[in-house]
C-alpha atoms as a PDB file:
ATOM      1  CA  MET A   1       0.095   0.312  -0.246  1.00  0.00           C
ATOM      2  CA  ARG A   2       2.755   2.493   0.794  1.00  0.00           C
ATOM      3  CA  ASN A   3       4.911   1.822  -2.880  1.00  0.00           C
ATOM      4  CA  LEU A   4       1.201   2.306  -4.156  1.00  0.00           C
ATOM      5  CA  LEU A   5       1.340   5.316  -2.380  1.00  0.00           C
ATOM      6  CA  LEU A   6       4.448   6.399  -3.291  1.00  0.00           C
ATOM      7  CA  THR A   7       4.283   5.598  -6.812  1.00  0.00           C
ATOM      8  CA  THR A   8       0.562   8.057  -7.405  1.00  0.00           C
ATOM      9  CA  SER A   9       2.803  10.356  -5.849  1.00  0.00           C
ATOM     10  CA  PHE A  10       5.384  10.341  -7.420  1.00  0.00           C
ATOM     11  CA  ALA A  11       3.384  10.639 -11.482  1.00  0.00           C
ATOM     12  CA  ILE A  12       0.933  13.254  -9.700  1.00  0.00           C
ATOM     13  CA  ALA A  13       4.515  15.544  -9.232  1.00  0.00           C
ATOM     14  CA  LEU A  14       5.379  14.659 -12.799  1.00  0.00           C
ATOM     15  CA  SER A  15       1.936  16.064 -14.474  1.00  0.00           C
ATOM     16  CA  ALA A  16       1.656  19.243 -12.092  1.00  0.00           C
ATOM     17  CA  PRO A  17       2.378  22.480 -14.545  1.00  0.00           C
ATOM     18  CA  ALA A  18       5.989  23.630 -13.893  1.00  0.00           C
ATOM     19  CA  PHE A  19       5.811  27.798 -12.901  1.00  0.00           C
ATOM     20  CA  ALA A  20       9.086  29.575 -14.634  1.00  0.00           C
ATOM     21  CA  ALA A  21      10.637  32.291 -12.334  1.00  0.00           C
ATOM     22  CA  GLY A  22      10.988  34.220 -15.216  1.00  0.00           C
ATOM     23  CA  THR A  23      13.037  35.156 -17.950  1.00  0.00           C
ATOM     24  CA  HIS A  24      15.179  38.459 -19.744  1.00  0.00           C
ATOM     25  CA  ASP A  25      13.305  37.208 -22.874  1.00  0.00           C
ATOM     26  CA  GLY A  26       9.951  37.750 -21.058  1.00  0.00           C
ATOM     27  CA  GLY A  27       9.475  34.514 -19.136  1.00  0.00           C
ATOM     28  CA  HIS A  28       6.529  36.205 -17.212  1.00  0.00           C
ATOM     29  CA  GLY A  29       3.622  35.244 -19.626  1.00  0.00           C
ATOM     30  CA  GLU A  30       0.864  38.068 -19.065  1.00  0.00           C
ATOM     31  CA  THR A  31       2.865  40.337 -16.554  1.00  0.00           C
ATOM     32  CA  LYS A  32       4.060  43.337 -17.467  1.00  0.00           C
ATOM     33  CA  PRO A  33       8.136  44.565 -17.636  1.00  0.00           C
ATOM     34  CA  ALA A  34       8.651  45.576 -14.050  1.00  0.00           C
ATOM     35  CA  ALA A  35      10.051  49.508 -13.980  1.00  0.00           C
ATOM     36  CA  MET A  36      13.613  50.297 -13.530  1.00  0.00           C
ATOM     37  CA  MET A  37      16.118  52.962 -12.130  1.00  0.00           C
ATOM     38  CA  VAL A  38      16.162  54.744 -15.486  1.00  0.00           C
ATOM     39  CA  GLY A  39      12.319  53.885 -16.401  1.00  0.00           C
ATOM     40  CA  MET A  40       9.751  51.789 -18.267  1.00  0.00           C
ATOM     41  CA  PRO A  41       8.688  50.702 -21.241  1.00  0.00           C
ATOM     42  CA  GLY A  42       6.396  54.031 -22.767  1.00  0.00           C
ATOM     43  CA  ASP A  43       3.574  53.589 -25.168  1.00  0.00           C
ATOM     44  CA  ALA A  44       4.188  53.587 -28.357  1.00  0.00           C
ATOM     45  CA  ALA A  45       1.674  56.251 -29.255  1.00  0.00           C
ATOM     46  CA  LYS A  46       2.581  58.382 -27.000  1.00  0.00           C
ATOM     47  CA  VAL A  47       5.503  59.721 -27.059  1.00  0.00           C
ATOM     48  CA  ASP A  48       7.147  63.091 -27.105  1.00  0.00           C
ATOM     49  CA  ARG A  49       9.429  63.295 -28.738  1.00  0.00           C
ATOM     50  CA  THR A  50      12.185  60.767 -31.152  1.00  0.00           C
ATOM     51  CA  ILE A  51      16.023  61.509 -30.703  1.00  0.00           C
ATOM     52  CA  ASP A  52      17.768  59.874 -33.589  1.00  0.00           C
ATOM     53  CA  VAL A  53      20.919  57.216 -33.158  1.00  0.00           C
ATOM     54  CA  THR A  54      23.800  56.149 -34.837  1.00  0.00           C
ATOM     55  CA  LEU A  55      26.036  52.714 -34.151  1.00  0.00           C
ATOM     56  CA  LEU A  56      29.394  53.308 -35.566  1.00  0.00           C
ATOM     57  CA  GLU A  57      32.859  52.688 -35.367  1.00  0.00           C
ATOM     58  CA  ASN A  58      35.569  55.642 -36.954  1.00  0.00           C
ATOM     59  CA  ASP A  59      38.770  56.115 -38.570  1.00  0.00           C
ATOM     60  CA  GLU A  60      40.490  56.468 -35.384  1.00  0.00           C
ATOM     61  CA  GLY A  61      39.392  52.623 -33.880  1.00  0.00           C
ATOM     62  CA  GLN A  62      36.695  54.374 -31.459  1.00  0.00           C
ATOM     63  CA  MET A  63      32.228  53.032 -31.085  1.00  0.00           C
ATOM     64  CA  LEU A  64      30.165  55.465 -30.160  1.00  0.00           C
ATOM     65  CA  ILE A  65      26.874  56.481 -30.063  1.00  0.00           C
ATOM     66  CA  GLU A  66      26.430  59.815 -31.728  1.00  0.00           C
ATOM     67  CA  SER A  67      22.747  61.856 -31.242  1.00  0.00           C
ATOM     68  CA  GLU A  68      21.929  65.009 -30.405  1.00  0.00           C
ATOM     69  CA  PRO A  69      22.218  65.422 -26.378  1.00  0.00           C
ATOM     70  CA  MET A  70      20.095  62.942 -24.879  1.00  0.00           C
ATOM     71  CA  ASP A  71      18.873  65.412 -21.976  1.00  0.00           C
ATOM     72  CA  ILE A  72      15.289  64.729 -21.314  1.00  0.00           C
ATOM     73  CA  LYS A  73      12.554  66.008 -19.100  1.00  0.00           C
ATOM     74  CA  GLU A  74      11.583  64.023 -15.840  1.00  0.00           C
ATOM     75  CA  GLY A  75       8.012  61.935 -17.303  1.00  0.00           C
ATOM     76  CA  GLU A  76       9.156  61.907 -21.132  1.00  0.00           C
ATOM     77  CA  THR A  77       8.191  59.668 -23.297  1.00  0.00           C
ATOM     78  CA  ILE A  78      11.126  59.175 -26.156  1.00  0.00           C
ATOM     79  CA  ARG A  79      11.483  57.269 -29.116  1.00  0.00           C
ATOM     80  CA  PHE A  80      15.715  56.214 -29.989  1.00  0.00           C
ATOM     81  CA  ASN A  81      15.280  55.626 -33.437  1.00  0.00           C
ATOM     82  CA  ILE A  82      19.227  53.579 -33.577  1.00  0.00           C
ATOM     83  CA  THR A  83      20.715  52.763 -36.860  1.00  0.00           C
ATOM     84  CA  ASN A  84      23.705  50.367 -36.817  1.00  0.00           C
ATOM     85  CA  LYS A  85      25.950  52.000 -39.150  1.00  0.00           C
ATOM     86  CA  GLY A  86      29.278  50.026 -38.055  1.00  0.00           C
ATOM     87  CA  GLU A  87      30.573  47.523 -39.873  1.00  0.00           C
ATOM     88  CA  LEU A  88      30.092  44.944 -36.505  1.00  0.00           C
ATOM     89  CA  GLU A  89      27.122  43.906 -34.233  1.00  0.00           C
ATOM     90  CA  HIS A  90      26.370  45.962 -31.808  1.00  0.00           C
ATOM     91  CA  GLU A  91      23.537  47.856 -28.671  1.00  0.00           C
ATOM     92  CA  PHE A  92      21.781  50.158 -27.572  1.00  0.00           C
ATOM     93  CA  VAL A  93      20.799  49.700 -23.740  1.00  0.00           C
ATOM     94  CA  LEU A  94      19.085  51.975 -21.441  1.00  0.00           C
ATOM     95  CA  ASP A  95      20.059  51.643 -17.912  1.00  0.00           C
ATOM     96  CA  THR A  96      21.797  52.650 -14.827  1.00  0.00           C
ATOM     97  CA  VAL A  97      26.352  53.258 -14.991  1.00  0.00           C
ATOM     98  CA  GLU A  98      26.016  51.082 -11.920  1.00  0.00           C
ATOM     99  CA  ARG A  99      23.871  48.591 -13.406  1.00  0.00           C
ATOM    100  CA  ASN A 100      25.622  49.064 -17.376  1.00  0.00           C
ATOM    101  CA  ALA A 101      28.796  47.922 -15.054  1.00  0.00           C
ATOM    102  CA  GLU A 102      27.572  44.822 -13.405  1.00  0.00           C
ATOM    103  CA  HIS A 103      25.869  43.328 -17.048  1.00  0.00           C
ATOM    104  CA  LYS A 104      29.346  44.435 -18.768  1.00  0.00           C
ATOM    105  CA  ILE A 105      30.666  42.032 -16.368  1.00  0.00           C
ATOM    106  CA  GLU A 106      29.006  39.192 -17.216  1.00  0.00           C
ATOM    107  CA  MET A 107      28.719  39.894 -20.558  1.00  0.00           C
ATOM    108  CA  ALA A 108      32.534  39.363 -20.523  1.00  0.00           C
ATOM    109  CA  LYS A 109      32.221  35.953 -19.036  1.00  0.00           C
ATOM    110  CA  MET A 110      29.943  34.781 -22.042  1.00  0.00           C
ATOM    111  CA  ASP A 111      28.391  37.043 -24.643  1.00  0.00           C
ATOM    112  CA  MET A 112      24.636  36.633 -24.050  1.00  0.00           C
ATOM    113  CA  GLU A 113      21.698  38.200 -26.409  1.00  0.00           C
ATOM    114  CA  HIS A 114      19.117  39.867 -23.983  1.00  0.00           C
ATOM    115  CA  ASP A 115      15.708  40.595 -25.155  1.00  0.00           C
ATOM    116  CA  ASP A 116      14.378  42.842 -22.504  1.00  0.00           C
ATOM    117  CA  PRO A 117      12.483  46.365 -23.152  1.00  0.00           C
ATOM    118  CA  ASN A 118      15.452  48.472 -22.379  1.00  0.00           C
ATOM    119  CA  ARG A 119      18.247  47.342 -24.963  1.00  0.00           C
ATOM    120  CA  ILE A 120      18.542  46.370 -28.794  1.00  0.00           C
ATOM    121  CA  ARG A 121      20.953  44.804 -30.502  1.00  0.00           C
ATOM    122  CA  LEU A 122      21.111  45.331 -34.055  1.00  0.00           C
ATOM    123  CA  ASP A 123      23.656  43.813 -37.130  1.00  0.00           C
ATOM    124  CA  ALA A 124      25.551  45.973 -39.244  1.00  0.00           C
ATOM    125  CA  GLY A 125      23.318  48.018 -41.534  1.00  0.00           C
ATOM    126  CA  ALA A 126      20.586  47.622 -39.555  1.00  0.00           C
ATOM    127  CA  SER A 127      17.770  49.840 -37.650  1.00  0.00           C
ATOM    128  CA  GLY A 128      15.695  49.181 -34.828  1.00  0.00           C
ATOM    129  CA  GLU A 129      13.593  51.857 -31.920  1.00  0.00           C
ATOM    130  CA  VAL A 130      13.440  52.002 -28.340  1.00  0.00           C
ATOM    131  CA  VAL A 131      10.806  53.389 -26.879  1.00  0.00           C
ATOM    132  CA  TRP A 132      11.168  54.241 -23.099  1.00  0.00           C
ATOM    133  CA  THR A 133       9.306  56.593 -20.525  1.00  0.00           C
ATOM    134  CA  PHE A 134      12.042  58.838 -17.789  1.00  0.00           C
ATOM    135  CA  ALA A 135       9.813  58.049 -15.053  1.00  0.00           C
ATOM    136  CA  ASN A 136      12.638  59.648 -12.713  1.00  0.00           C
ATOM    137  CA  SER A 137      15.431  61.910 -12.776  1.00  0.00           C
ATOM    138  CA  GLY A 138      19.534  61.720 -12.724  1.00  0.00           C
ATOM    139  CA  ARG A 139      22.527  60.162 -14.287  1.00  0.00           C
ATOM    140  CA  PHE A 140      21.669  57.631 -16.351  1.00  0.00           C
ATOM    141  CA  GLU A 141      23.460  56.234 -19.379  1.00  0.00           C
ATOM    142  CA  ALA A 142      22.902  54.423 -23.222  1.00  0.00           C
ATOM    143  CA  ALA A 143      25.741  51.816 -24.072  1.00  0.00           C
ATOM    144  CA  CYS A 144      26.550  48.969 -26.303  1.00  0.00           C
ATOM    145  CA  LEU A 145      27.637  46.456 -23.448  1.00  0.00           C
ATOM    146  CA  ILE A 146      28.955  43.346 -25.741  1.00  0.00           C
ATOM    147  CA  PRO A 147      32.242  43.043 -25.009  1.00  0.00           C
ATOM    148  CA  GLY A 148      35.143  44.940 -25.833  1.00  0.00           C
ATOM    149  CA  HIS A 149      32.397  47.800 -27.393  1.00  0.00           C
ATOM    150  CA  TYR A 150      32.279  50.148 -24.240  1.00  0.00           C
ATOM    151  CA  GLU A 151      36.094  50.191 -23.745  1.00  0.00           C
ATOM    152  CA  SER A 152      36.073  51.893 -26.890  1.00  0.00           C
ATOM    153  CA  GLY A 153      34.397  54.438 -26.064  1.00  0.00           C
ATOM    154  CA  MET A 154      30.896  53.310 -26.757  1.00  0.00           C
ATOM    155  CA  HIS A 155      28.530  54.874 -23.928  1.00  0.00           C
ATOM    156  CA  ARG A 156      27.557  58.316 -23.469  1.00  0.00           C
ATOM    157  CA  GLU A 157      25.535  59.938 -20.528  1.00  0.00           C
ATOM    158  CA  VAL A 158      21.095  60.106 -20.229  1.00  0.00           C
ATOM    159  CA  ALA A 159      20.290  62.880 -17.865  1.00  0.00           C
ATOM    160  CA  VAL A 160      16.914  63.084 -17.354  1.00  0.00           C
ATOM    161  CA  GLY A 161      15.205  65.924 -14.803  1.00  0.00           C
ATOM    162  CA  ASP A 162      13.056  69.119 -14.992  1.00  0.00           C
ATOM    163  CA  GLN A 163      15.708  71.538 -16.487  1.00  0.00           C
ATOM    164  CA  MET A 164      18.528  69.305 -16.990  1.00  0.00           C
ATOM    165  CA  ALA A 165      18.403  70.167 -20.778  1.00  0.00           C
ATOM    166  CA  GLN A 166      19.250  73.298 -19.593  1.00  0.00           C
ATOM    167  CA  ALA A 167      21.110  73.504 -16.209  1.00  0.00           C
ATOM    168  CA  ASP A 168      24.334  71.669 -16.754  1.00  0.00           C
ATOM    169  CA  VAL A 169      25.132  72.706 -20.514  1.00  0.00           C
ATOM    170  CA  GLU A 170      28.505  73.445 -20.985  1.00  0.00           C
ATOM    171  CA  TYR A 171      29.060  76.499 -23.699  1.00  0.00           C
ATOM    172  CA  THR A 172      32.735  77.015 -25.597  1.00  0.00           C
ATOM    173  CA  SER A 173      33.867  79.831 -26.594  1.00  0.00           C
ATOM    174  CA  GLY A 174      34.448  80.925 -30.192  1.00  0.00           C
ATOM    175  CA  THR A 175      34.214  83.718 -33.853  1.00  0.00           C
ATOM    176  CA  ILE A 176      32.834  82.795 -36.664  1.00  0.00           C
ATOM    177  CA  LYS A 177      34.959  82.761 -39.099  1.00  0.00           C
ATOM    178  CA  LYS A 178      33.318  81.811 -42.134  1.00  0.00           C
ATOM    179  CA  ILE A 179      29.184  80.814 -43.240  1.00  0.00           C
ATOM    180  CA  ASP A 180      28.236  78.678 -46.027  1.00  0.00           C
ATOM    181  CA  ALA A 181      25.018  78.936 -45.313  1.00  0.00           C
ATOM    182  CA  LYS A 182      23.782  76.709 -48.820  1.00  0.00           C
ATOM    183  CA  ALA A 183      25.502  73.790 -47.558  1.00  0.00           C
ATOM    184  CA  GLY A 184      24.675  74.310 -44.368  1.00  0.00           C
ATOM    185  CA  LYS A 185      28.634  74.238 -42.994  1.00  0.00           C
ATOM    186  CA  VAL A 186      29.863  77.167 -40.837  1.00  0.00           C
ATOM    187  CA  THR A 187      33.588  77.916 -39.141  1.00  0.00           C
ATOM    188  CA  ILE A 188      34.292  78.415 -36.138  1.00  0.00           C
ATOM    189  CA  ILE A 189      37.614  79.452 -34.402  1.00  0.00           C
ATOM    190  CA  HIS A 190      36.895  78.139 -31.215  1.00  0.00           C
ATOM    191  CA  GLY A 191      38.166  77.158 -27.623  1.00  0.00           C
ATOM    192  CA  PRO A 192      37.479  73.378 -26.249  1.00  0.00           C
ATOM    193  CA  LEU A 193      35.036  71.466 -26.378  1.00  0.00           C
ATOM    194  CA  VAL A 194      35.577  69.932 -23.072  1.00  0.00           C
ATOM    195  CA  ASN A 195      31.966  67.290 -24.157  1.00  0.00           C
ATOM    196  CA  LEU A 196      33.796  66.438 -27.236  1.00  0.00           C
ATOM    197  CA  ASP A 197      37.410  65.911 -25.229  1.00  0.00           C
ATOM    198  CA  MET A 198      38.912  67.560 -28.266  1.00  0.00           C
ATOM    199  CA  PRO A 199      41.072  70.327 -27.599  1.00  0.00           C
ATOM    200  CA  ALA A 200      41.329  74.408 -29.142  1.00  0.00           C
ATOM    201  CA  MET A 201      41.195  75.021 -32.682  1.00  0.00           C
ATOM    202  CA  THR A 202      39.657  76.196 -35.984  1.00  0.00           C
ATOM    203  CA  MET A 203      37.123  74.114 -37.460  1.00  0.00           C
ATOM    204  CA  VAL A 204      34.096  72.987 -39.378  1.00  0.00           C
ATOM    205  CA  PHE A 205      30.901  72.426 -37.989  1.00  0.00           C
ATOM    206  CA  ARG A 206      27.055  71.464 -39.621  1.00  0.00           C
ATOM    207  CA  ALA A 207      24.236  74.112 -38.105  1.00  0.00           C
ATOM    208  CA  ASP A 208      20.525  74.217 -39.433  1.00  0.00           C
ATOM    209  CA  GLU A 209      18.830  77.353 -41.092  1.00  0.00           C
ATOM    210  CA  ALA A 210      17.479  78.838 -38.195  1.00  0.00           C
ATOM    211  CA  MET A 211      20.861  78.119 -36.359  1.00  0.00           C
ATOM    212  CA  MET A 212      21.958  80.384 -39.131  1.00  0.00           C
ATOM    213  CA  THR A 213      20.831  83.035 -39.328  1.00  0.00           C
ATOM    214  CA  LYS A 214      21.734  83.999 -35.461  1.00  0.00           C
ATOM    215  CA  MET A 215      24.863  83.720 -37.179  1.00  0.00           C
ATOM    216  CA  ALA A 216      27.452  86.535 -38.704  1.00  0.00           C
ATOM    217  CA  GLU A 217      31.209  86.575 -40.048  1.00  0.00           C
ATOM    218  CA  GLY A 218      33.223  87.458 -37.281  1.00  0.00           C
ATOM    219  CA  GLN A 219      30.662  87.105 -34.361  1.00  0.00           C
ATOM    220  CA  ASP A 220      32.000  86.161 -31.118  1.00  0.00           C
ATOM    221  CA  ILE A 221      29.731  83.475 -29.821  1.00  0.00           C
ATOM    222  CA  GLU A 222      28.946  81.226 -26.838  1.00  0.00           C
ATOM    223  CA  PHE A 223      27.907  77.629 -28.162  1.00  0.00           C
ATOM    224  CA  VAL A 224      27.461  74.480 -27.726  1.00  0.00           C
ATOM    225  CA  ALA A 225      28.550  71.496 -30.381  1.00  0.00           C
ATOM    226  CA  ASP A 226      28.209  67.748 -30.332  1.00  0.00           C
ATOM    227  CA  ARG A 227      28.073  64.918 -33.195  1.00  0.00           C
ATOM    228  CA  VAL A 228      25.023  64.291 -35.240  1.00  0.00           C
ATOM    229  CA  LYS A 229      24.260  61.601 -37.705  1.00  0.00           C
ATOM    230  CA  GLY A 230      28.371  61.386 -36.893  1.00  0.00           C
ATOM    231  CA  LYS A 231      28.801  65.271 -38.492  1.00  0.00           C
ATOM    232  CA  LEU A 232      29.565  67.942 -35.851  1.00  0.00           C
ATOM    233  CA  THR A 233      27.003  69.928 -35.589  1.00  0.00           C
ATOM    234  CA  VAL A 234      26.157  73.191 -33.147  1.00  0.00           C
ATOM    235  CA  THR A 235      23.156  72.068 -31.122  1.00  0.00           C
ATOM    236  CA  GLN A 236      23.065  75.718 -29.480  1.00  0.00           C
ATOM    237  CA  ILE A 237      24.735  79.116 -29.564  1.00  0.00           C
ATOM    238  CA  LYS A 238      23.611  82.449 -27.563  1.00  0.00           C
END
């Protein structure tokens, strides 16, 4: 009788459904992704604005995430349109600096491809998007955690706060030497560009039509420049 009860219990245990603890690719069934410190997946129908992002390698051996400054208001929902223009596979991950550092160590042990809403991995030439709501203010990071890529420069700050876009901008002094409105280019004799780790020199920048209307040859200016779609571009001026 005892053997019969043990056999029956074992059979019931085998037939019972198994419940997984969940995985990176949504093993919780209908459960929505949990909010993270950096925020949560956004509603594509409620996007506030779009930021175009380019992933690439340059001739100097750097790997870069290029876009307009990632200065975001708390509560904003952003669509990141991401294009891999490099020759290698890259990824785009939104998280805290600390969590990215932890995941980078894990990735160094084994190159794992996760399926999380705060990241996307793209083959060379591919494009995709991440829609994200930044619910908390603070300093976060966009990065590629494929082994060796972060160390080659593939990371940039994401600043979130009510006045973050204006409060922490560092302007560079310069003098406009030449304007080529037709080509959308302006030559500036400028001081060090701290955000781009570039020394003082004379360089040609891109600028949009609205920015050009604020410029004149010989004018002393204070400006902010960044890489936009792979080109050095004046993004703010005063």
